[in-house]
């Protein structure tokens, strides 16, 4: 039950950021926590709007 509620929160989220990790790889990040984790792993990553 808890996982379903969490999934619906993410689905309705308006916070979407594209993150360019390297020249070929672009990912979409849905939460601020996830963005923070990706930036920690790849400090040279650039946000694309």
PDB file of N, CA and C in Angstrom:
ATOM      1  N   UNK A   1       0.830  -1.191   0.000  1.00  0.00           N
ATOM      2  CA  UNK A   1       0.000   0.000   0.000  1.00  0.00           C
ATOM      3  C   UNK A   1       0.876   1.257   0.000  1.00  0.00           C
ATOM      4  N   UNK A   2       1.936   1.237   0.769  1.00  0.00           N
ATOM      5  CA  UNK A   2       2.811   2.406   0.858  1.00  0.00           C
ATOM      6  C   UNK A   2       3.506   2.685  -0.478  1.00  0.00           C
ATOM      7  N   UNK A   3       3.920   1.635  -1.180  1.00  0.00           N
ATOM      8  CA  UNK A   3       4.602   1.813  -2.467  1.00  0.00           C
ATOM      9  C   UNK A   3       3.674   2.442  -3.496  1.00  0.00           C
ATOM     10  N   UNK A   4       2.403   2.095  -3.452  1.00  0.00           N
ATOM     11  CA  UNK A   4       1.444   2.661  -4.396  1.00  0.00           C
ATOM     12  C   UNK A   4       1.298   4.160  -4.165  1.00  0.00           C
ATOM     13  N   UNK A   5       1.218   4.565  -2.919  1.00  0.00           N
ATOM     14  CA  UNK A   5       1.099   5.989  -2.600  1.00  0.00           C
ATOM     15  C   UNK A   5       2.339   6.746  -3.064  1.00  0.00           C
ATOM     16  N   UNK A   6       3.503   6.163  -2.859  1.00  0.00           N
ATOM     17  CA  UNK A   6       4.740   6.810  -3.271  1.00  0.00           C
ATOM     18  C   UNK A   6       4.796   6.951  -4.786  1.00  0.00           C
ATOM     19  N   UNK A   7       4.376   5.937  -5.497  1.00  0.00           N
ATOM     20  CA  UNK A   7       4.396   5.973  -6.952  1.00  0.00           C
ATOM     21  C   UNK A   7       3.484   7.070  -7.487  1.00  0.00           C
ATOM     22  N   UNK A   8       2.315   7.237  -6.885  1.00  0.00           N
ATOM     23  CA  UNK A   8       1.392   8.266  -7.353  1.00  0.00           C
ATOM     24  C   UNK A   8       1.948   9.665  -7.087  1.00  0.00           C
ATOM     25  N   UNK A   9       2.707   9.826  -6.007  1.00  0.00           N
ATOM     26  CA  UNK A   9       3.346  11.116  -5.736  1.00  0.00           C
ATOM     27  C   UNK A   9       4.331  11.464  -6.841  1.00  0.00           C
ATOM     28  N   UNK A  10       5.140  10.500  -7.236  1.00  0.00           N
ATOM     29  CA  UNK A  10       6.140  10.733  -8.274  1.00  0.00           C
ATOM     30  C   UNK A  10       5.454  11.005  -9.607  1.00  0.00           C
ATOM     31  N   UNK A  11       4.388  10.262  -9.904  1.00  0.00           N
ATOM     32  CA  UNK A  11       3.680  10.424 -11.166  1.00  0.00           C
ATOM     33  C   UNK A  11       3.097  11.829 -11.300  1.00  0.00           C
ATOM     34  N   UNK A  12       2.602  12.385 -10.211  1.00  0.00           N
ATOM     35  CA  UNK A  12       1.995  13.705 -10.250  1.00  0.00           C
ATOM     36  C   UNK A  12       2.976  14.839 -10.061  1.00  0.00           C
ATOM     37  N   UNK A  13       4.241  14.524  -9.937  1.00  0.00           N
ATOM     38  CA  UNK A  13       5.253  15.539  -9.672  1.00  0.00           C
ATOM     39  C   UNK A  13       5.461  16.448 -10.880  1.00  0.00           C
ATOM     40  N   UNK A  14       5.610  17.733 -10.623  1.00  0.00           N
ATOM     41  CA  UNK A  14       5.901  18.678 -11.691  1.00  0.00           C
ATOM     42  C   UNK A  14       7.383  19.039 -11.708  1.00  0.00           C
ATOM     43  N   UNK A  15       8.158  18.482 -10.802  1.00  0.00           N
ATOM     44  CA  UNK A  15       9.591  18.752 -10.730  1.00  0.00           C
ATOM     45  C   UNK A  15      10.322  17.768 -11.634  1.00  0.00           C
ATOM     46  N   UNK A  16      10.661  18.191 -12.833  1.00  0.00           N
ATOM     47  CA  UNK A  16      11.418  17.359 -13.761  1.00  0.00           C
ATOM     48  C   UNK A  16      12.615  18.148 -14.252  1.00  0.00           C
ATOM     49  N   UNK A  17      13.786  17.548 -14.142  1.00  0.00           N
ATOM     50  CA  UNK A  17      15.015  18.199 -14.584  1.00  0.00           C
ATOM     51  C   UNK A  17      15.784  17.218 -15.454  1.00  0.00           C
ATOM     52  N   UNK A  18      16.267  17.687 -16.600  1.00  0.00           N
ATOM     53  CA  UNK A  18      17.136  16.866 -17.428  1.00  0.00           C
ATOM     54  C   UNK A  18      18.564  17.138 -16.995  1.00  0.00           C
ATOM     55  N   UNK A  19      19.303  16.060 -16.855  1.00  0.00           N
ATOM     56  CA  UNK A  19      20.680  16.156 -16.378  1.00  0.00           C
ATOM     57  C   UNK A  19      21.600  15.514 -17.403  1.00  0.00           C
ATOM     58  N   UNK A  20      22.558  16.288 -17.938  1.00  0.00           N
ATOM     59  CA  UNK A  20      23.524  15.737 -18.883  1.00  0.00           C
ATOM     60  C   UNK A  20      24.736  15.258 -18.098  1.00  0.00           C
ATOM     61  N   UNK A  21      24.917  13.935 -18.085  1.00  0.00           N
ATOM     62  CA  UNK A  21      26.011  13.328 -17.327  1.00  0.00           C
ATOM     63  C   UNK A  21      27.306  13.393 -18.127  1.00  0.00           C
ATOM     64  N   UNK A  22      27.236  13.052 -19.410  1.00  0.00           N
ATOM     65  CA  UNK A  22      28.394  13.184 -20.292  1.00  0.00           C
ATOM     66  C   UNK A  22      27.898  13.587 -21.681  1.00  0.00           C
ATOM     67  N   UNK A  23      28.751  13.495 -22.680  1.00  0.00           N
ATOM     68  CA  UNK A  23      28.382  13.962 -24.017  1.00  0.00           C
ATOM     69  C   UNK A  23      27.204  13.203 -24.619  1.00  0.00           C
ATOM     70  N   UNK A  24      27.033  11.939 -24.254  1.00  0.00           N
ATOM     71  CA  UNK A  24      25.982  11.132 -24.860  1.00  0.00           C
ATOM     72  C   UNK A  24      24.803  10.857 -23.947  1.00  0.00           C
ATOM     73  N   UNK A  25      24.973  11.002 -22.647  1.00  0.00           N
ATOM     74  CA  UNK A  25      23.964  10.549 -21.691  1.00  0.00           C
ATOM     75  C   UNK A  25      23.206  11.706 -21.071  1.00  0.00           C
ATOM     76  N   UNK A  26      21.876  11.685 -21.243  1.00  0.00           N
ATOM     77  CA  UNK A  26      20.990  12.659 -20.602  1.00  0.00           C
ATOM     78  C   UNK A  26      19.924  11.872 -19.859  1.00  0.00           C
ATOM     79  N   UNK A  27      19.720  12.183 -18.580  1.00  0.00           N
ATOM     80  CA  UNK A  27      18.690  11.507 -17.796  1.00  0.00           C
ATOM     81  C   UNK A  27      17.677  12.538 -17.308  1.00  0.00           C
ATOM     82  N   UNK A  28      16.485  12.064 -16.974  1.00  0.00           N
ATOM     83  CA  UNK A  28      15.458  12.920 -16.400  1.00  0.00           C
ATOM     84  C   UNK A  28      15.323  12.575 -14.929  1.00  0.00           C
ATOM     85  N   UNK A  29      15.422  13.584 -14.095  1.00  0.00           N
ATOM     86  CA  UNK A  29      15.353  13.415 -12.644  1.00  0.00           C
ATOM     87  C   UNK A  29      14.015  13.959 -12.166  1.00  0.00           C
ATOM     88  N   UNK A  30      13.324  13.200 -11.307  1.00  0.00           N
ATOM     89  CA  UNK A  30      11.977  13.589 -10.892  1.00  0.00           C
ATOM     90  C   UNK A  30      11.895  14.223  -9.514  1.00  0.00           C
ATOM     91  N   UNK A  31      12.893  13.986  -8.672  1.00  0.00           N
ATOM     92  CA  UNK A  31      12.835  14.540  -7.317  1.00  0.00           C
ATOM     93  C   UNK A  31      14.127  15.270  -6.996  1.00  0.00           C
ATOM     94  N   UNK A  32      14.044  16.172  -6.032  1.00  0.00           N
ATOM     95  CA  UNK A  32      15.230  16.923  -5.619  1.00  0.00           C
ATOM     96  C   UNK A  32      16.257  16.016  -4.953  1.00  0.00           C
ATOM     97  N   UNK A  33      15.789  14.997  -4.232  1.00  0.00           N
ATOM     98  CA  UNK A  33      16.703  14.057  -3.583  1.00  0.00           C
ATOM     99  C   UNK A  33      17.488  13.271  -4.628  1.00  0.00           C
ATOM    100  N   UNK A  34      16.793  12.857  -5.679  1.00  0.00           N
ATOM    101  CA  UNK A  34      17.445  12.114  -6.754  1.00  0.00           C
ATOM    102  C   UNK A  34      18.474  12.990  -7.473  1.00  0.00           C
ATOM    103  N   UNK A  35      18.121  14.250  -7.689  1.00  0.00           N
ATOM    104  CA  UNK A  35      19.057  15.187  -8.312  1.00  0.00           C
ATOM    105  C   UNK A  35      20.313  15.325  -7.461  1.00  0.00           C
ATOM    106  N   UNK A  36      20.117  15.427  -6.162  1.00  0.00           N
ATOM    107  CA  UNK A  36      21.247  15.552  -5.242  1.00  0.00           C
ATOM    108  C   UNK A  36      22.149  14.314  -5.313  1.00  0.00           C
ATOM    109  N   UNK A  37      21.551  13.128  -5.383  1.00  0.00           N
ATOM    110  CA  UNK A  37      22.320  11.886  -5.466  1.00  0.00           C
ATOM    111  C   UNK A  37      23.104  11.796  -6.772  1.00  0.00           C
ATOM    112  N   UNK A  38      22.473  12.147  -7.894  1.00  0.00           N
ATOM    113  CA  UNK A  38      23.154  12.103  -9.182  1.00  0.00           C
ATOM    114  C   UNK A  38      24.292  13.118  -9.238  1.00  0.00           C
ATOM    115  N   UNK A  39      24.075  14.300  -8.672  1.00  0.00           N
ATOM    116  CA  UNK A  39      25.122  15.325  -8.662  1.00  0.00           C
ATOM    117  C   UNK A  39      26.303  14.880  -7.797  1.00  0.00           C
ATOM    118  N   UNK A  40      26.026  14.114  -6.740  1.00  0.00           N
ATOM    119  CA  UNK A  40      27.098  13.597  -5.897  1.00  0.00           C
ATOM    120  C   UNK A  40      27.932  12.571  -6.659  1.00  0.00           C
ATOM    121  N   UNK A  41      27.276  11.731  -7.467  1.00  0.00           N
ATOM    122  CA  UNK A  41      27.983  10.712  -8.251  1.00  0.00           C
ATOM    123  C   UNK A  41      28.732  11.324  -9.424  1.00  0.00           C
ATOM    124  N   UNK A  42      28.118  12.322 -10.059  1.00  0.00           N
ATOM    125  CA  UNK A  42      28.682  12.971 -11.241  1.00  0.00           C
ATOM    126  C   UNK A  42      28.732  14.476 -11.029  1.00  0.00           C
ATOM    127  N   UNK A  43      29.762  14.976 -10.369  1.00  0.00           N
ATOM    128  CA  UNK A  43      29.842  16.414 -10.065  1.00  0.00           C
ATOM    129  C   UNK A  43      29.909  17.289 -11.319  1.00  0.00           C
ATOM    130  N   UNK A  44      30.353  16.737 -12.450  1.00  0.00           N
ATOM    131  CA  UNK A  44      30.451  17.523 -13.680  1.00  0.00           C
ATOM    132  C   UNK A  44      29.133  17.553 -14.468  1.00  0.00           C
ATOM    133  N   UNK A  45      28.086  16.918 -13.946  1.00  0.00           N
ATOM    134  CA  UNK A  45      26.788  16.897 -14.633  1.00  0.00           C
ATOM    135  C   UNK A  45      26.192  18.306 -14.718  1.00  0.00           C
ATOM    136  N   UNK A  46      25.486  18.559 -15.841  1.00  0.00           N
ATOM    137  CA  UNK A  46      24.919  19.878 -16.115  1.00  0.00           C
ATOM    138  C   UNK A  46      23.405  19.756 -16.249  1.00  0.00           C
ATOM    139  N   UNK A  47      22.676  20.667 -15.609  1.00  0.00           N
ATOM    140  CA  UNK A  47      21.222  20.677 -15.725  1.00  0.00           C
ATOM    141  C   UNK A  47      20.808  21.330 -17.042  1.00  0.00           C
ATOM    142  N   UNK A  48      19.836  20.718 -17.726  1.00  0.00           N
ATOM    143  CA  UNK A  48      19.312  21.230 -18.985  1.00  0.00           C
ATOM    144  C   UNK A  48      17.831  21.506 -18.786  1.00  0.00           C
ATOM    145  N   UNK A  49      17.378  22.659 -19.226  1.00  0.00           N
ATOM    146  CA  UNK A  49      15.952  22.979 -19.082  1.00  0.00           C
ATOM    147  C   UNK A  49      15.240  22.964 -20.393  1.00  0.00           C
TER     148      UNK A  49
END
